[in-house]
Amino acid sequence: MVRLPLTPADIARGQRLGDLLRRARGDRSMLRVALDAGVSPETLRKIETGRVATPAFPTIAALADVLGLSLDAVWAEITDTSATERAC
């Protein structure tokens, strides 16, 4: 299966996801959150820094659960392009 290249919109959405997770994590350690979610700290670090723009759904769901975020809220925030449009 060939993976299509990421679009600029995909990359921006991944950056918004990383920002959201980092803010939700607050002062909790990356290690603790990652282990509680069942993902590697490296995976969480890559998502938070935008290096993984399209993480797997189970990864997002597990992180959202540990961080107390609803998936609806996550989707609403990462698809909200008004902040990006205002910056342009």
Protein backbone atom coordinates (compact mmCIF):
# COMPACT_ATOMS: atom_id res chain seq x y z
CA MET A 1 0.00 0.00 0.00
CA VAL A 2 1.40 3.36 -1.04
CA ARG A 3 1.03 6.24 1.40
CA LEU A 4 0.07 9.53 -0.19
CA PRO A 5 2.22 12.57 0.59
CA LEU A 6 0.89 14.83 3.31
CA THR A 7 -0.78 18.03 2.23
CA PRO A 8 -0.04 21.37 3.89
CA ALA A 9 -3.48 21.03 5.56
CA ASP A 10 -2.48 17.62 6.97
CA ILE A 11 0.73 19.06 8.36
CA ALA A 12 -1.06 22.04 9.92
CA ARG A 13 -3.67 19.74 11.47
CA GLY A 14 -0.88 17.59 12.92
CA GLN A 15 0.75 20.67 14.43
CA ARG A 16 -2.56 21.72 15.99
CA LEU A 17 -2.96 18.21 17.43
CA GLY A 18 0.54 18.35 18.92
CA ASP A 19 -0.15 21.76 20.44
CA LEU A 20 -3.43 20.54 21.93
CA LEU A 21 -1.84 17.44 23.48
CA ARG A 22 1.07 19.43 24.88
CA ARG A 23 -1.30 21.97 26.47
CA ALA A 24 -3.54 19.21 27.85
CA ARG A 25 -0.53 17.39 29.30
CA GLY A 26 0.40 20.52 31.22
CA ASP A 27 3.04 19.81 33.85
CA ARG A 28 2.59 16.03 33.69
CA SER A 29 5.66 14.26 32.39
CA MET A 30 5.71 13.04 28.83
CA LEU A 31 6.88 9.66 30.11
CA ARG A 32 3.94 9.23 32.50
CA VAL A 33 1.32 10.26 29.94
CA ALA A 34 2.82 8.05 27.24
CA LEU A 35 3.04 5.00 29.50
CA ASP A 36 -0.49 5.54 30.81
CA ALA A 37 -1.74 5.71 27.21
CA GLY A 38 0.24 2.64 26.16
CA VAL A 39 2.41 4.46 23.63
CA SER A 40 6.12 5.06 23.62
CA PRO A 41 7.42 8.40 24.91
CA GLU A 42 9.12 8.82 21.53
CA THR A 43 5.77 8.49 19.76
CA LEU A 44 4.22 11.11 22.02
CA ARG A 45 7.20 13.41 21.50
CA LYS A 46 6.90 13.07 17.72
CA ILE A 47 3.17 13.81 17.82
CA GLU A 48 3.61 16.82 20.11
CA THR A 49 6.31 18.29 17.87
CA GLY A 50 4.33 17.67 14.68
CA ARG A 51 6.76 15.10 13.26
CA VAL A 52 3.90 12.58 13.11
CA ALA A 53 1.12 14.59 11.51
CA THR A 54 -1.32 11.71 11.11
CA PRO A 55 -1.05 9.35 14.09
CA ALA A 56 -3.23 6.25 14.20
CA PHE A 57 -6.72 6.66 15.62
CA PRO A 58 -6.13 4.25 18.55
CA THR A 59 -3.09 6.34 19.54
CA ILE A 60 -5.08 9.57 19.51
CA ALA A 61 -7.96 7.91 21.38
CA ALA A 62 -5.66 6.53 24.08
CA LEU A 63 -3.89 9.86 24.57
CA ALA A 64 -7.20 11.76 24.66
CA ASP A 65 -8.52 9.35 27.30
CA VAL A 66 -5.46 9.75 29.53
CA LEU A 67 -5.55 13.53 29.14
CA GLY A 68 -9.29 13.76 29.80
CA LEU A 69 -10.12 15.06 26.33
CA SER A 70 -13.19 14.01 24.38
CA LEU A 71 -12.54 12.93 20.81
CA ASP A 72 -15.17 15.44 19.69
CA ALA A 73 -13.21 18.24 21.36
CA VAL A 74 -9.96 17.02 19.81
CA TRP A 75 -11.52 16.92 16.34
CA ALA A 76 -13.13 20.33 16.76
CA GLU A 77 -9.85 21.92 17.77
CA ILE A 78 -7.60 20.34 15.16
CA THR A 79 -10.01 21.07 12.32
CA ASP A 80 -10.59 24.68 13.39
CA THR A 81 -8.78 26.61 10.71
CA SER A 82 -9.95 30.02 11.86
CA ALA A 83 -6.80 30.48 13.99
CA THR A 84 -4.64 29.62 10.99
CA GLU A 85 -6.65 31.88 8.69
CA ARG A 86 -6.38 34.77 11.16
CA ALA A 87 -2.59 34.37 11.24
CA CYS A 88 -2.32 34.72 7.44
